Amino acid sequence: MAPPIQLPFPSPLIIPPLSPPHQQTFILLHGRGSSAAKFGPTLLSSTFTHNNSTAALRSTFPHAKFIFPTAPPQP
């Protein structure tokens, strides 16, 4: 059995759907100087207004899985 491949990237932050069935997957990238752990929870709890209704991103898409990759450290 071959050893597992080591990638130079940290593990992504994966947030499963709030309620089944899983219907969408969003892959969201952070900006320079951030990480998935800083960016992901903040984005998911942020509220926005659309058609006079305010909601958080995660509650708007309860059947979605959110994936936040983290880039490797850069010198």
PDB file of N, CA and C in Angstrom:
ATOM      1  N   MET A   1       0.829  -1.165   0.000  1.00  0.00           N
ATOM      2  CA  MET A   1       0.000   0.000   0.000  1.00  0.00           C
ATOM      3  C   MET A   1       0.888   1.247   0.000  1.00  0.00           C
ATOM      4  N   ALA A   2       0.603   2.170  -0.904  1.00  0.00           N
ATOM      5  CA  ALA A   2       1.404   3.384  -1.024  1.00  0.00           C
ATOM      6  C   ALA A   2       1.092   4.348   0.123  1.00  0.00           C
ATOM      7  N   PRO A   3       2.105   5.087   0.582  1.00  0.00           N
ATOM      8  CA  PRO A   3       1.837   6.072   1.644  1.00  0.00           C
ATOM      9  C   PRO A   3       0.965   7.206   1.104  1.00  0.00           C
ATOM     10  N   PRO A   4       0.204   7.879   1.970  1.00  0.00           N
ATOM     11  CA  PRO A   4      -0.644   8.979   1.490  1.00  0.00           C
ATOM     12  C   PRO A   4       0.207  10.116   0.935  1.00  0.00           C
ATOM     13  N   ILE A   5      -0.315  10.767  -0.058  1.00  0.00           N
ATOM     14  CA  ILE A   5       0.386  11.889  -0.677  1.00  0.00           C
ATOM     15  C   ILE A   5       0.254  13.108   0.227  1.00  0.00           C
ATOM     16  N   GLN A   6       1.352  13.757   0.530  1.00  0.00           N
ATOM     17  CA  GLN A   6       1.355  14.966   1.343  1.00  0.00           C
ATOM     18  C   GLN A   6       1.321  16.188   0.425  1.00  0.00           C
ATOM     19  N   LEU A   7       0.251  16.940   0.501  1.00  0.00           N
ATOM     20  CA  LEU A   7       0.142  18.157  -0.282  1.00  0.00           C
ATOM     21  C   LEU A   7       0.643  19.340   0.547  1.00  0.00           C
ATOM     22  N   PRO A   8       1.143  20.380  -0.111  1.00  0.00           N
ATOM     23  CA  PRO A   8       1.663  21.525   0.638  1.00  0.00           C
ATOM     24  C   PRO A   8       0.575  22.484   1.124  1.00  0.00           C
ATOM     25  N   PHE A   9      -0.679  22.060   1.110  1.00  0.00           N
ATOM     26  CA  PHE A   9      -1.779  22.927   1.494  1.00  0.00           C
ATOM     27  C   PHE A   9      -2.391  22.450   2.810  1.00  0.00           C
ATOM     28  N   PRO A  10      -2.777  23.380   3.679  1.00  0.00           N
ATOM     29  CA  PRO A  10      -3.517  22.991   4.888  1.00  0.00           C
ATOM     30  C   PRO A  10      -4.883  22.407   4.506  1.00  0.00           C
ATOM     31  N   SER A  11      -5.462  21.649   5.396  1.00  0.00           N
ATOM     32  CA  SER A  11      -6.793  21.081   5.149  1.00  0.00           C
ATOM     33  C   SER A  11      -7.822  22.202   5.044  1.00  0.00           C
ATOM     34  N   PRO A  12      -8.790  22.056   4.141  1.00  0.00           N
ATOM     35  CA  PRO A  12      -9.819  23.097   4.018  1.00  0.00           C
ATOM     36  C   PRO A  12     -10.794  23.048   5.200  1.00  0.00           C
ATOM     37  N   LEU A  13     -11.447  24.155   5.431  1.00  0.00           N
ATOM     38  CA  LEU A  13     -12.537  24.213   6.400  1.00  0.00           C
ATOM     39  C   LEU A  13     -13.797  23.809   5.641  1.00  0.00           C
ATOM     40  N   ILE A  14     -14.454  22.742   6.080  1.00  0.00           N
ATOM     41  CA  ILE A  14     -15.650  22.242   5.405  1.00  0.00           C
ATOM     42  C   ILE A  14     -16.821  22.341   6.372  1.00  0.00           C
ATOM     43  N   ILE A  15     -17.854  23.082   5.951  1.00  0.00           N
ATOM     44  CA  ILE A  15     -19.056  23.268   6.754  1.00  0.00           C
ATOM     45  C   ILE A  15     -20.170  22.463   6.081  1.00  0.00           C
ATOM     46  N   PRO A  16     -20.679  21.413   6.738  1.00  0.00           N
ATOM     47  CA  PRO A  16     -21.716  20.593   6.116  1.00  0.00           C
ATOM     48  C   PRO A  16     -23.056  21.334   6.054  1.00  0.00           C
ATOM     49  N   PRO A  17     -23.990  20.833   5.252  1.00  0.00           N
ATOM     50  CA  PRO A  17     -25.315  21.460   5.167  1.00  0.00           C
ATOM     51  C   PRO A  17     -26.015  21.463   6.527  1.00  0.00           C
ATOM     52  N   LEU A  18     -26.841  22.498   6.746  1.00  0.00           N
ATOM     53  CA  LEU A  18     -27.636  22.557   7.975  1.00  0.00           C
ATOM     54  C   LEU A  18     -28.717  21.487   7.988  1.00  0.00           C
ATOM     55  N   SER A  19     -29.268  21.206   6.811  1.00  0.00           N
ATOM     56  CA  SER A  19     -30.330  20.195   6.737  1.00  0.00           C
ATOM     57  C   SER A  19     -30.194  19.412   5.446  1.00  0.00           C
ATOM     58  N   PRO A  20     -30.389  18.109   5.506  1.00  0.00           N
ATOM     59  CA  PRO A  20     -30.327  17.291   4.298  1.00  0.00           C
ATOM     60  C   PRO A  20     -31.534  17.565   3.416  1.00  0.00           C
ATOM     61  N   PRO A  21     -31.488  17.261   2.177  1.00  0.00           N
ATOM     62  CA  PRO A  21     -30.377  16.678   1.434  1.00  0.00           C
ATOM     63  C   PRO A  21     -29.405  17.750   0.941  1.00  0.00           C
ATOM     64  N   HIS A  22     -28.158  17.348   0.749  1.00  0.00           N
ATOM     65  CA  HIS A  22     -27.125  18.229   0.209  1.00  0.00           C
ATOM     66  C   HIS A  22     -27.485  18.535  -1.247  1.00  0.00           C
ATOM     67  N   GLN A  23     -27.617  19.834  -1.569  1.00  0.00           N
ATOM     68  CA  GLN A  23     -28.028  20.225  -2.919  1.00  0.00           C
ATOM     69  C   GLN A  23     -27.015  21.094  -3.651  1.00  0.00           C
ATOM     70  N   GLN A  24     -26.186  21.835  -2.929  1.00  0.00           N
ATOM     71  CA  GLN A  24     -25.184  22.686  -3.555  1.00  0.00           C
ATOM     72  C   GLN A  24     -23.887  22.616  -2.765  1.00  0.00           C
ATOM     73  N   THR A  25     -22.810  23.002  -3.431  1.00  0.00           N
ATOM     74  CA  THR A  25     -21.524  23.182  -2.768  1.00  0.00           C
ATOM     75  C   THR A  25     -20.956  24.513  -3.215  1.00  0.00           C
ATOM     76  N   PHE A  26     -20.569  25.331  -2.237  1.00  0.00           N
ATOM     77  CA  PHE A  26     -19.916  26.601  -2.517  1.00  0.00           C
ATOM     78  C   PHE A  26     -18.459  26.469  -2.099  1.00  0.00           C
ATOM     79  N   ILE A  27     -17.544  26.836  -2.994  1.00  0.00           N
ATOM     80  CA  ILE A  27     -16.120  26.871  -2.682  1.00  0.00           C
ATOM     81  C   ILE A  27     -15.734  28.342  -2.698  1.00  0.00           C
ATOM     82  N   LEU A  28     -15.350  28.860  -1.530  1.00  0.00           N
ATOM     83  CA  LEU A  28     -15.075  30.288  -1.377  1.00  0.00           C
ATOM     84  C   LEU A  28     -13.620  30.491  -0.980  1.00  0.00           C
ATOM     85  N   LEU A  29     -12.962  31.429  -1.634  1.00  0.00           N
ATOM     86  CA  LEU A  29     -11.537  31.674  -1.417  1.00  0.00           C
ATOM     87  C   LEU A  29     -11.332  32.942  -0.597  1.00  0.00           C
ATOM     88  N   HIS A  30     -10.374  32.895   0.319  1.00  0.00           N
ATOM     89  CA  HIS A  30     -10.033  34.067   1.124  1.00  0.00           C
ATOM     90  C   HIS A  30      -9.009  34.927   0.399  1.00  0.00           C
ATOM     91  N   GLY A  31      -8.850  36.140   0.878  1.00  0.00           N
ATOM     92  CA  GLY A  31      -7.864  37.052   0.302  1.00  0.00           C
ATOM     93  C   GLY A  31      -6.498  36.861   0.929  1.00  0.00           C
ATOM     94  N   ARG A  32      -5.538  37.600   0.429  1.00  0.00           N
ATOM     95  CA  ARG A  32      -4.176  37.522   0.963  1.00  0.00           C
ATOM     96  C   ARG A  32      -4.157  37.947   2.425  1.00  0.00           C
ATOM     97  N   GLY A  33      -3.397  37.247   3.227  1.00  0.00           N
ATOM     98  CA  GLY A  33      -3.266  37.581   4.634  1.00  0.00           C
ATOM     99  C   GLY A  33      -4.363  36.998   5.510  1.00  0.00           C
ATOM    100  N   SER A  34      -5.260  36.213   4.947  1.00  0.00           N
ATOM    101  CA  SER A  34      -6.324  35.610   5.735  1.00  0.00           C
ATOM    102  C   SER A  34      -6.176  34.098   5.699  1.00  0.00           C
ATOM    103  N   SER A  35      -7.150  33.412   6.251  1.00  0.00           N
ATOM    104  CA  SER A  35      -7.162  31.949   6.229  1.00  0.00           C
ATOM    105  C   SER A  35      -8.613  31.492   6.240  1.00  0.00           C
ATOM    106  N   ALA A  36      -8.825  30.227   5.976  1.00  0.00           N
ATOM    107  CA  ALA A  36     -10.176  29.674   5.996  1.00  0.00           C
ATOM    108  C   ALA A  36     -10.802  29.821   7.379  1.00  0.00           C
ATOM    109  N   ALA A  37     -10.013  29.612   8.430  1.00  0.00           N
ATOM    110  CA  ALA A  37     -10.541  29.684   9.798  1.00  0.00           C
ATOM    111  C   ALA A  37     -11.006  31.096  10.157  1.00  0.00           C
ATOM    112  N   LYS A  38     -10.362  32.121   9.610  1.00  0.00           N
ATOM    113  CA  LYS A  38     -10.768  33.508   9.878  1.00  0.00           C
ATOM    114  C   LYS A  38     -11.912  33.932   8.965  1.00  0.00           C
ATOM    115  N   PHE A  39     -11.817  33.569   7.703  1.00  0.00           N
ATOM    116  CA  PHE A  39     -12.749  34.046   6.688  1.00  0.00           C
ATOM    117  C   PHE A  39     -14.086  33.309   6.711  1.00  0.00           C
ATOM    118  N   GLY A  40     -14.067  31.994   6.808  1.00  0.00           N
ATOM    119  CA  GLY A  40     -15.272  31.173   6.697  1.00  0.00           C
ATOM    120  C   GLY A  40     -16.367  31.486   7.698  1.00  0.00           C
ATOM    121  N   PRO A  41     -16.106  31.340   8.997  1.00  0.00           N
ATOM    122  CA  PRO A  41     -17.165  31.606   9.978  1.00  0.00           C
ATOM    123  C   PRO A  41     -17.692  33.044   9.927  1.00  0.00           C
ATOM    124  N   THR A  42     -16.800  33.995   9.670  1.00  0.00           N
ATOM    125  CA  THR A  42     -17.231  35.395   9.581  1.00  0.00           C
ATOM    126  C   THR A  42     -18.179  35.593   8.409  1.00  0.00           C
ATOM    127  N   LEU A  43     -17.836  35.031   7.264  1.00  0.00           N
ATOM    128  CA  LEU A  43     -18.692  35.171   6.086  1.00  0.00           C
ATOM    129  C   LEU A  43     -20.038  34.491   6.300  1.00  0.00           C
ATOM    130  N   LEU A  44     -20.036  33.294   6.850  1.00  0.00           N
ATOM    131  CA  LEU A  44     -21.286  32.557   7.027  1.00  0.00           C
ATOM    132  C   LEU A  44     -22.225  33.214   8.035  1.00  0.00           C
ATOM    133  N   SER A  45     -21.686  33.925   9.001  1.00  0.00           N
ATOM    134  CA  SER A  45     -22.551  34.576   9.994  1.00  0.00           C
ATOM    135  C   SER A  45     -22.925  36.004   9.603  1.00  0.00           C
ATOM    136  N   SER A  46     -22.299  36.539   8.563  1.00  0.00           N
ATOM    137  CA  SER A  46     -22.631  37.883   8.102  1.00  0.00           C
ATOM    138  C   SER A  46     -24.035  37.904   7.518  1.00  0.00           C
ATOM    139  N   THR A  47     -24.733  38.996   7.747  1.00  0.00           N
ATOM    140  CA  THR A  47     -26.084  39.121   7.198  1.00  0.00           C
ATOM    141  C   THR A  47     -26.074  40.038   5.981  1.00  0.00           C
ATOM    142  N   PHE A  48     -27.051  39.838   5.137  1.00  0.00           N
ATOM    143  CA  PHE A  48     -27.228  40.677   3.959  1.00  0.00           C
ATOM    144  C   PHE A  48     -28.719  40.899   3.766  1.00  0.00           C
ATOM    145  N   THR A  49     -29.046  41.929   3.017  1.00  0.00           N
ATOM    146  CA  THR A  49     -30.445  42.259   2.770  1.00  0.00           C
ATOM    147  C   THR A  49     -30.740  42.100   1.291  1.00  0.00           C
ATOM    148  N   HIS A  50     -31.829  41.398   1.008  1.00  0.00           N
ATOM    149  CA  HIS A  50     -32.277  41.191  -0.365  1.00  0.00           C
ATOM    150  C   HIS A  50     -33.800  41.187  -0.354  1.00  0.00           C
ATOM    151  N   ASN A  51     -34.410  42.002  -1.188  1.00  0.00           N
ATOM    152  CA  ASN A  51     -35.876  42.106  -1.250  1.00  0.00           C
ATOM    153  C   ASN A  51     -36.491  42.376   0.122  1.00  0.00           C
ATOM    154  N   ASN A  52     -35.913  43.339   0.844  1.00  0.00           N
ATOM    155  CA  ASN A  52     -36.405  43.749   2.169  1.00  0.00           C
ATOM    156  C   ASN A  52     -36.373  42.632   3.219  1.00  0.00           C
ATOM    157  N   SER A  53     -35.549  41.636   3.012  1.00  0.00           N
ATOM    158  CA  SER A  53     -35.405  40.554   3.980  1.00  0.00           C
ATOM    159  C   SER A  53     -33.921  40.433   4.341  1.00  0.00           C
ATOM    160  N   THR A  54     -33.628  40.301   5.622  1.00  0.00           N
ATOM    161  CA  THR A  54     -32.251  40.170   6.091  1.00  0.00           C
ATOM    162  C   THR A  54     -32.024  38.741   6.573  1.00  0.00           C
ATOM    163  N   ALA A  55     -30.908  38.152   6.141  1.00  0.00           N
ATOM    164  CA  ALA A  55     -30.602  36.777   6.520  1.00  0.00           C
ATOM    165  C   ALA A  55     -29.102  36.538   6.456  1.00  0.00           C
ATOM    166  N   ALA A  56     -28.647  35.513   7.159  1.00  0.00           N
ATOM    167  CA  ALA A  56     -27.255  35.086   7.087  1.00  0.00           C
ATOM    168  C   ALA A  56     -27.095  34.152   5.884  1.00  0.00           C
ATOM    169  N   LEU A  57     -25.908  34.124   5.328  1.00  0.00           N
ATOM    170  CA  LEU A  57     -25.649  33.309   4.140  1.00  0.00           C
ATOM    171  C   LEU A  57     -25.966  31.837   4.385  1.00  0.00           C
ATOM    172  N   ARG A  58     -25.548  31.311   5.524  1.00  0.00           N
ATOM    173  CA  ARG A  58     -25.758  29.879   5.788  1.00  0.00           C
ATOM    174  C   ARG A  58     -27.237  29.533   5.913  1.00  0.00           C
ATOM    175  N   SER A  59     -28.019  30.383   6.557  1.00  0.00           N
ATOM    176  CA  SER A  59     -29.449  30.079   6.692  1.00  0.00           C
ATOM    177  C   SER A  59     -30.195  30.289   5.376  1.00  0.00           C
ATOM    178  N   THR A  60     -29.632  31.087   4.482  1.00  0.00           N
ATOM    179  CA  THR A  60     -30.245  31.286   3.167  1.00  0.00           C
ATOM    180  C   THR A  60     -30.079  30.045   2.294  1.00  0.00           C
ATOM    181  N   PHE A  61     -28.991  29.330   2.496  1.00  0.00           N
ATOM    182  CA  PHE A  61     -28.712  28.106   1.734  1.00  0.00           C
ATOM    183  C   PHE A  61     -28.545  26.928   2.695  1.00  0.00           C
ATOM    184  N   PRO A  62     -29.608  26.472   3.355  1.00  0.00           N
ATOM    185  CA  PRO A  62     -29.472  25.422   4.369  1.00  0.00           C
ATOM    186  C   PRO A  62     -29.048  24.060   3.814  1.00  0.00           C
ATOM    187  N   HIS A  63     -29.230  23.838   2.522  1.00  0.00           N
ATOM    188  CA  HIS A  63     -28.876  22.547   1.915  1.00  0.00           C
ATOM    189  C   HIS A  63     -27.494  22.574   1.265  1.00  0.00           C
ATOM    190  N   ALA A  64     -26.741  23.652   1.506  1.00  0.00           N
ATOM    191  CA  ALA A  64     -25.435  23.802   0.858  1.00  0.00           C
ATOM    192  C   ALA A  64     -24.293  23.422   1.788  1.00  0.00           C
ATOM    193  N   LYS A  65     -23.272  22.850   1.184  1.00  0.00           N
ATOM    194  CA  LYS A  65     -22.009  22.602   1.874  1.00  0.00           C
ATOM    195  C   LYS A  65     -21.079  23.748   1.473  1.00  0.00           C
ATOM    196  N   PHE A  66     -20.321  24.284   2.428  1.00  0.00           N
ATOM    197  CA  PHE A  66     -19.393  25.376   2.169  1.00  0.00           C
ATOM    198  C   PHE A  66     -17.973  24.868   2.384  1.00  0.00           C
ATOM    199  N   ILE A  67     -17.113  25.112   1.412  1.00  0.00           N
ATOM    200  CA  ILE A  67     -15.715  24.688   1.487  1.00  0.00           C
ATOM    201  C   ILE A  67     -14.844  25.934   1.399  1.00  0.00           C
ATOM    202  N   PHE A  68     -13.962  26.090   2.388  1.00  0.00           N
ATOM    203  CA  PHE A  68     -13.051  27.218   2.445  1.00  0.00           C
ATOM    204  C   PHE A  68     -11.614  26.690   2.431  1.00  0.00           C
ATOM    205  N   PRO A  69     -10.967  26.650   1.261  1.00  0.00           N
ATOM    206  CA  PRO A  69      -9.566  26.227   1.226  1.00  0.00           C
ATOM    207  C   PRO A  69      -8.664  27.295   1.859  1.00  0.00           C
ATOM    208  N   THR A  70      -7.534  26.870   2.370  1.00  0.00           N
ATOM    209  CA  THR A  70      -6.528  27.796   2.881  1.00  0.00           C
ATOM    210  C   THR A  70      -5.281  27.672   2.020  1.00  0.00           C
ATOM    211  N   ALA A  71      -4.774  28.806   1.572  1.00  0.00           N
ATOM    212  CA  ALA A  71      -3.548  28.802   0.769  1.00  0.00           C
ATOM    213  C   ALA A  71      -2.354  28.508   1.661  1.00  0.00           C
ATOM    214  N   PRO A  72      -1.307  27.939   1.083  1.00  0.00           N
ATOM    215  CA  PRO A  72      -0.107  27.704   1.900  1.00  0.00           C
ATOM    216  C   PRO A  72       0.548  29.039   2.248  1.00  0.00           C
ATOM    217  N   PRO A  73       1.308  29.072   3.329  1.00  0.00           N
ATOM    218  CA  PRO A  73       2.010  30.313   3.695  1.00  0.00           C
ATOM    219  C   PRO A  73       2.975  30.725   2.587  1.00  0.00           C
ATOM    220  N   GLN A  74       3.034  32.012   2.337  1.00  0.00           N
ATOM    221  CA  GLN A  74       3.939  32.547   1.317  1.00  0.00           C
ATOM    222  C   GLN A  74       5.021  33.371   1.994  1.00  0.00           C
ATOM    223  N   PRO A  75       6.242  33.285   1.513  1.00  0.00           N
ATOM    224  CA  PRO A  75       7.315  34.100   2.120  1.00  0.00           C
ATOM    225  C   PRO A  75       7.141  35.571   1.803  1.00  0.00           C
TER     226      PRO A  75
END
